[in-house]
PDB file of N, CA and C in Angstrom:
ATOM      1  N   MET A   1       0.843  -1.180   0.000  1.00  0.00           N
ATOM      2  CA  MET A   1       0.000   0.000   0.000  1.00  0.00           C
ATOM      3  C   MET A   1       0.886   1.240   0.000  1.00  0.00           C
ATOM      4  N   LYS A   2       0.564   2.181  -0.856  1.00  0.00           N
ATOM      5  CA  LYS A   2       1.343   3.412  -0.931  1.00  0.00           C
ATOM      6  C   LYS A   2       0.957   4.356   0.195  1.00  0.00           C
ATOM      7  N   ASN A   3       1.942   5.100   0.665  1.00  0.00           N
ATOM      8  CA  ASN A   3       1.715   6.142   1.661  1.00  0.00           C
ATOM      9  C   ASN A   3       2.056   7.484   1.049  1.00  0.00           C
ATOM     10  N   TYR A   4       1.258   8.483   1.360  1.00  0.00           N
ATOM     11  CA  TYR A   4       1.477   9.832   0.865  1.00  0.00           C
ATOM     12  C   TYR A   4       1.507  10.799   2.032  1.00  0.00           C
ATOM     13  N   THR A   5       2.366  11.787   1.939  1.00  0.00           N
ATOM     14  CA  THR A   5       2.370  12.897   2.882  1.00  0.00           C
ATOM     15  C   THR A   5       2.106  14.147   2.069  1.00  0.00           C
ATOM     16  N   ILE A   6       1.042  14.845   2.404  1.00  0.00           N
ATOM     17  CA  ILE A   6       0.660  16.037   1.657  1.00  0.00           C
ATOM     18  C   ILE A   6       0.692  17.234   2.590  1.00  0.00           C
ATOM     19  N   PHE A   7       1.473  18.233   2.209  1.00  0.00           N
ATOM     20  CA  PHE A   7       1.510  19.507   2.920  1.00  0.00           C
ATOM     21  C   PHE A   7       0.674  20.471   2.091  1.00  0.00           C
ATOM     22  N   ALA A   8      -0.422  20.936   2.636  1.00  0.00           N
ATOM     23  CA  ALA A   8      -1.309  21.836   1.898  1.00  0.00           C
ATOM     24  C   ALA A   8      -1.654  23.047   2.750  1.00  0.00           C
ATOM     25  N   GLY A   9      -1.839  24.171   2.096  1.00  0.00           N
ATOM     26  CA  GLY A   9      -2.225  25.383   2.807  1.00  0.00           C
ATOM     27  C   GLY A   9      -2.039  26.597   1.923  1.00  0.00           C
ATOM     28  N   VAL A  10      -2.469  27.723   2.435  1.00  0.00           N
ATOM     29  CA  VAL A  10      -2.369  28.972   1.679  1.00  0.00           C
ATOM     30  C   VAL A  10      -0.916  29.428   1.601  1.00  0.00           C
ATOM     31  N   ASN A  11      -0.636  30.332   0.676  1.00  0.00           N
ATOM     32  CA  ASN A  11       0.712  30.889   0.545  1.00  0.00           C
ATOM     33  C   ASN A  11       1.149  31.517   1.863  1.00  0.00           C
ATOM     34  N   GLY A  12       2.381  31.242   2.244  1.00  0.00           N
ATOM     35  CA  GLY A  12       2.935  31.835   3.456  1.00  0.00           C
ATOM     36  C   GLY A  12       2.588  31.103   4.733  1.00  0.00           C
ATOM     37  N   ALA A  13       1.918  29.963   4.626  1.00  0.00           N
ATOM     38  CA  ALA A  13       1.507  29.222   5.822  1.00  0.00           C
ATOM     39  C   ALA A  13       2.667  28.480   6.481  1.00  0.00           C
ATOM     40  N   GLY A  14       3.759  28.274   5.755  1.00  0.00           N
ATOM     41  CA  GLY A  14       4.924  27.600   6.319  1.00  0.00           C
ATOM     42  C   GLY A  14       5.105  26.160   5.882  1.00  0.00           C
ATOM     43  N   LYS A  15       4.453  25.758   4.803  1.00  0.00           N
ATOM     44  CA  LYS A  15       4.550  24.377   4.332  1.00  0.00           C
ATOM     45  C   LYS A  15       5.986  23.979   4.005  1.00  0.00           C
ATOM     46  N   THR A  16       6.673  24.807   3.250  1.00  0.00           N
ATOM     47  CA  THR A  16       8.055  24.513   2.870  1.00  0.00           C
ATOM     48  C   THR A  16       8.961  24.537   4.087  1.00  0.00           C
ATOM     49  N   SER A  17       8.744  25.461   4.982  1.00  0.00           N
ATOM     50  CA  SER A  17       9.562  25.537   6.204  1.00  0.00           C
ATOM     51  C   SER A  17       9.417  24.271   7.033  1.00  0.00           C
ATOM     52  N   ILE A  18       8.195  23.792   7.200  1.00  0.00           N
ATOM     53  CA  ILE A  18       7.975  22.556   7.957  1.00  0.00           C
ATOM     54  C   ILE A  18       8.627  21.391   7.233  1.00  0.00           C
ATOM     55  N   TYR A  19       8.420  21.317   5.927  1.00  0.00           N
ATOM     56  CA  TYR A  19       9.003  20.233   5.141  1.00  0.00           C
ATOM     57  C   TYR A  19      10.518  20.191   5.310  1.00  0.00           C
ATOM     58  N   LYS A  20      11.166  21.341   5.159  1.00  0.00           N
ATOM     59  CA  LYS A  20      12.627  21.389   5.245  1.00  0.00           C
ATOM     60  C   LYS A  20      13.139  21.147   6.659  1.00  0.00           C
ATOM     61  N   SER A  21      12.404  21.570   7.663  1.00  0.00           N
ATOM     62  CA  SER A  21      12.914  21.473   9.031  1.00  0.00           C
ATOM     63  C   SER A  21      12.710  20.102   9.663  1.00  0.00           C
ATOM     64  N   ILE A  22      11.610  19.415   9.352  1.00  0.00           N
ATOM     65  CA  ILE A  22      11.361  18.155  10.058  1.00  0.00           C
ATOM     66  C   ILE A  22      11.158  16.946   9.160  1.00  0.00           C
ATOM     67  N   TYR A  23      11.014  17.143   7.872  1.00  0.00           N
ATOM     68  CA  TYR A  23      10.648  16.026   7.014  1.00  0.00           C
ATOM     69  C   TYR A  23      11.710  15.665   5.988  1.00  0.00           C
ATOM     70  N   TYR A  24      12.369  16.644   5.421  1.00  0.00           N
ATOM     71  CA  TYR A  24      13.246  16.446   4.266  1.00  0.00           C
ATOM     72  C   TYR A  24      14.372  15.447   4.514  1.00  0.00           C
ATOM     73  N   ASN A  25      15.111  15.590   5.598  1.00  0.00           N
ATOM     74  CA  ASN A  25      16.291  14.746   5.828  1.00  0.00           C
ATOM     75  C   ASN A  25      15.957  13.263   5.905  1.00  0.00           C
ATOM     76  N   GLU A  26      14.799  12.933   6.426  1.00  0.00           N
ATOM     77  CA  GLU A  26      14.413  11.527   6.557  1.00  0.00           C
ATOM     78  C   GLU A  26      13.781  10.974   5.286  1.00  0.00           C
ATOM     79  N   ASN A  27      13.389  11.834   4.382  1.00  0.00           N
ATOM     80  CA  ASN A  27      12.646  11.404   3.199  1.00  0.00           C
ATOM     81  C   ASN A  27      13.210  12.026   1.925  1.00  0.00           C
ATOM     82  N   ILE A  28      14.517  12.091   1.848  1.00  0.00           N
ATOM     83  CA  ILE A  28      15.200  12.809   0.770  1.00  0.00           C
ATOM     84  C   ILE A  28      14.906  12.228  -0.621  1.00  0.00           C
ATOM     85  N   ASP A  29      14.601  10.943  -0.716  1.00  0.00           N
ATOM     86  CA  ASP A  29      14.389  10.317  -2.020  1.00  0.00           C
ATOM     87  C   ASP A  29      12.941  10.351  -2.496  1.00  0.00           C
ATOM     88  N   GLU A  30      12.052  10.891  -1.700  1.00  0.00           N
ATOM     89  CA  GLU A  30      10.650  10.933  -2.093  1.00  0.00           C
ATOM     90  C   GLU A  30      10.398  12.009  -3.146  1.00  0.00           C
ATOM     91  N   LYS A  31       9.351  11.823  -3.909  1.00  0.00           N
ATOM     92  CA  LYS A  31       8.967  12.784  -4.943  1.00  0.00           C
ATOM     93  C   LYS A  31       8.333  14.001  -4.281  1.00  0.00           C
ATOM     94  N   ARG A  32       8.553  15.167  -4.876  1.00  0.00           N
ATOM     95  CA  ARG A  32       8.024  16.416  -4.337  1.00  0.00           C
ATOM     96  C   ARG A  32       7.482  17.244  -5.488  1.00  0.00           C
ATOM     97  N   ILE A  33       6.275  17.745  -5.327  1.00  0.00           N
ATOM     98  CA  ILE A  33       5.652  18.601  -6.330  1.00  0.00           C
ATOM     99  C   ILE A  33       5.372  19.936  -5.657  1.00  0.00           C
ATOM    100  N   ASN A  34       6.080  20.969  -6.082  1.00  0.00           N
ATOM    101  CA  ASN A  34       5.919  22.292  -5.493  1.00  0.00           C
ATOM    102  C   ASN A  34       5.969  23.310  -6.629  1.00  0.00           C
ATOM    103  N   THR A  35       4.819  23.853  -6.977  1.00  0.00           N
ATOM    104  CA  THR A  35       4.771  24.770  -8.119  1.00  0.00           C
ATOM    105  C   THR A  35       5.585  26.035  -7.879  1.00  0.00           C
ATOM    106  N   ASP A  36       5.669  26.497  -6.633  1.00  0.00           N
ATOM    107  CA  ASP A  36       6.489  27.684  -6.352  1.00  0.00           C
ATOM    108  C   ASP A  36       7.949  27.430  -6.719  1.00  0.00           C
ATOM    109  N   GLU A  37       8.452  26.251  -6.379  1.00  0.00           N
ATOM    110  CA  GLU A  37       9.836  25.909  -6.709  1.00  0.00           C
ATOM    111  C   GLU A  37      10.013  25.729  -8.211  1.00  0.00           C
ATOM    112  N   MET A  38       9.017  25.158  -8.866  1.00  0.00           N
ATOM    113  CA  MET A  38       9.086  24.981 -10.315  1.00  0.00           C
ATOM    114  C   MET A  38       9.153  26.338 -11.015  1.00  0.00           C
ATOM    115  N   VAL A  39       8.322  27.267 -10.571  1.00  0.00           N
ATOM    116  CA  VAL A  39       8.305  28.613 -11.155  1.00  0.00           C
ATOM    117  C   VAL A  39       9.642  29.305 -10.925  1.00  0.00           C
ATOM    118  N   ALA A  40      10.184  29.194  -9.727  1.00  0.00           N
ATOM    119  CA  ALA A  40      11.456  29.853  -9.402  1.00  0.00           C
ATOM    120  C   ALA A  40      12.589  29.350 -10.294  1.00  0.00           C
ATOM    121  N   ARG A  41      12.557  28.069 -10.662  1.00  0.00           N
ATOM    122  CA  ARG A  41      13.593  27.522 -11.539  1.00  0.00           C
ATOM    123  C   ARG A  41      13.475  28.069 -12.961  1.00  0.00           C
ATOM    124  N   MET A  42      12.261  28.441 -13.357  1.00  0.00           N
ATOM    125  CA  MET A  42      12.034  28.873 -14.739  1.00  0.00           C
ATOM    126  C   MET A  42      12.078  30.385 -14.925  1.00  0.00           C
ATOM    127  N   GLY A  43      11.841  31.128 -13.858  1.00  0.00           N
ATOM    128  CA  GLY A  43      11.799  32.583 -14.004  1.00  0.00           C
ATOM    129  C   GLY A  43      11.089  33.239 -12.838  1.00  0.00           C
ATOM    130  N   SER A  44      10.311  34.242 -13.143  1.00  0.00           N
ATOM    131  CA  SER A  44       9.656  35.059 -12.122  1.00  0.00           C
ATOM    132  C   SER A  44       8.232  34.589 -11.843  1.00  0.00           C
ATOM    133  N   TRP A  45       7.833  34.631 -10.575  1.00  0.00           N
ATOM    134  CA  TRP A  45       6.462  34.287 -10.207  1.00  0.00           C
ATOM    135  C   TRP A  45       5.478  35.303 -10.781  1.00  0.00           C
ATOM    136  N   GLN A  46       5.978  36.438 -11.242  1.00  0.00           N
ATOM    137  CA  GLN A  46       5.110  37.471 -11.811  1.00  0.00           C
ATOM    138  C   GLN A  46       4.717  37.177 -13.261  1.00  0.00           C
ATOM    139  N   ASP A  47       5.344  36.187 -13.862  1.00  0.00           N
ATOM    140  CA  ASP A  47       5.058  35.817 -15.249  1.00  0.00           C
ATOM    141  C   ASP A  47       3.911  34.798 -15.269  1.00  0.00           C
ATOM    142  N   ASN A  48       2.739  35.244 -15.706  1.00  0.00           N
ATOM    143  CA  ASN A  48       1.566  34.369 -15.719  1.00  0.00           C
ATOM    144  C   ASN A  48       1.749  33.147 -16.609  1.00  0.00           C
ATOM    145  N   ASN A  49       2.471  33.288 -17.713  1.00  0.00           N
ATOM    146  CA  ASN A  49       2.694  32.150 -18.603  1.00  0.00           C
ATOM    147  C   ASN A  49       3.497  31.058 -17.913  1.00  0.00           C
ATOM    148  N   ILE A  50       4.495  31.440 -17.142  1.00  0.00           N
ATOM    149  CA  ILE A  50       5.283  30.459 -16.395  1.00  0.00           C
ATOM    150  C   ILE A  50       4.423  29.814 -15.318  1.00  0.00           C
ATOM    151  N   GLN A  51       3.601  30.601 -14.644  1.00  0.00           N
ATOM    152  CA  GLN A  51       2.701  30.066 -13.616  1.00  0.00           C
ATOM    153  C   GLN A  51       1.787  28.991 -14.208  1.00  0.00           C
ATOM    154  N   ILE A  52       1.214  29.283 -15.362  1.00  0.00           N
ATOM    155  CA  ILE A  52       0.300  28.339 -16.009  1.00  0.00           C
ATOM    156  C   ILE A  52       1.044  27.090 -16.460  1.00  0.00           C
ATOM    157  N   LYS A  53       2.209  27.271 -17.067  1.00  0.00           N
ATOM    158  CA  LYS A  53       3.003  26.131 -17.528  1.00  0.00           C
ATOM    159  C   LYS A  53       3.362  25.212 -16.358  1.00  0.00           C
ATOM    160  N   CYS A  54       3.770  25.788 -15.244  1.00  0.00           N
ATOM    161  CA  CYS A  54       4.149  24.991 -14.075  1.00  0.00           C
ATOM    162  C   CYS A  54       2.939  24.317 -13.436  1.00  0.00           C
ATOM    163  N   ALA A  55       1.804  24.988 -13.436  1.00  0.00           N
ATOM    164  CA  ALA A  55       0.586  24.378 -12.902  1.00  0.00           C
ATOM    165  C   ALA A  55       0.196  23.155 -13.730  1.00  0.00           C
ATOM    166  N   ARG A  56       0.309  23.271 -15.040  1.00  0.00           N
ATOM    167  CA  ARG A  56       0.003  22.131 -15.917  1.00  0.00           C
ATOM    168  C   ARG A  56       0.975  20.977 -15.686  1.00  0.00           C
ATOM    169  N   GLU A  57       2.245  21.305 -15.527  1.00  0.00           N
ATOM    170  CA  GLU A  57       3.248  20.273 -15.254  1.00  0.00           C
ATOM    171  C   GLU A  57       2.979  19.614 -13.906  1.00  0.00           C
ATOM    172  N   ALA A  58       2.565  20.392 -12.920  1.00  0.00           N
ATOM    173  CA  ALA A  58       2.252  19.840 -11.600  1.00  0.00           C
ATOM    174  C   ALA A  58       1.099  18.845 -11.684  1.00  0.00           C
ATOM    175  N   VAL A  59       0.088  19.160 -12.474  1.00  0.00           N
ATOM    176  CA  VAL A  59      -1.041  18.240 -12.646  1.00  0.00           C
ATOM    177  C   VAL A  59      -0.560  16.933 -13.268  1.00  0.00           C
ATOM    178  N   LYS A  60       0.313  17.021 -14.260  1.00  0.00           N
ATOM    179  CA  LYS A  60       0.872  15.807 -14.874  1.00  0.00           C
ATOM    180  C   LYS A  60       1.627  14.976 -13.842  1.00  0.00           C
ATOM    181  N   LEU A  61       2.425  15.637 -12.999  1.00  0.00           N
ATOM    182  CA  LEU A  61       3.190  14.918 -11.982  1.00  0.00           C
ATOM    183  C   LEU A  61       2.279  14.279 -10.941  1.00  0.00           C
ATOM    184  N   ILE A  62       1.226  14.980 -10.560  1.00  0.00           N
ATOM    185  CA  ILE A  62       0.261  14.411  -9.610  1.00  0.00           C
ATOM    186  C   ILE A  62      -0.348  13.148 -10.196  1.00  0.00           C
ATOM    187  N   LYS A  63      -0.739  13.209 -11.446  1.00  0.00           N
ATOM    188  CA  LYS A  63      -1.311  12.029 -12.100  1.00  0.00           C
ATOM    189  C   LYS A  63      -0.295  10.892 -12.158  1.00  0.00           C
ATOM    190  N   LYS A  64       0.947  11.222 -12.412  1.00  0.00           N
ATOM    191  CA  LYS A  64       2.000  10.205 -12.513  1.00  0.00           C
ATOM    192  C   LYS A  64       2.298   9.561 -11.163  1.00  0.00           C
ATOM    193  N   TYR A  65       2.426  10.363 -10.113  1.00  0.00           N
ATOM    194  CA  TYR A  65       2.867   9.855  -8.822  1.00  0.00           C
ATOM    195  C   TYR A  65       1.742   9.391  -7.912  1.00  0.00           C
ATOM    196  N   ILE A  66       0.571   9.988  -8.032  1.00  0.00           N
ATOM    197  CA  ILE A  66      -0.482   9.717  -7.055  1.00  0.00           C
ATOM    198  C   ILE A  66      -1.637   8.915  -7.633  1.00  0.00           C
ATOM    199  N   LEU A  67      -2.088   9.266  -8.810  1.00  0.00           N
ATOM    200  CA  LEU A  67      -3.285   8.608  -9.349  1.00  0.00           C
ATOM    201  C   LEU A  67      -2.984   7.295 -10.017  1.00  0.00           C
TER     202      LEU A  67
END
């Protein structure tokens, strides 16, 4: 049976901080889908086209890893 850990919440809630502080070191090989990080790798969060592209990629990854 697969196990999933999902960190969800509004922007600025501290999801990434919690992940990095208590979860990351023990689960370094697990898959992670974070659109904010995807956008940062590609450019500026102010670019709507990048936001949309990363959101679409995130949906593909969710389907691949979870569904």
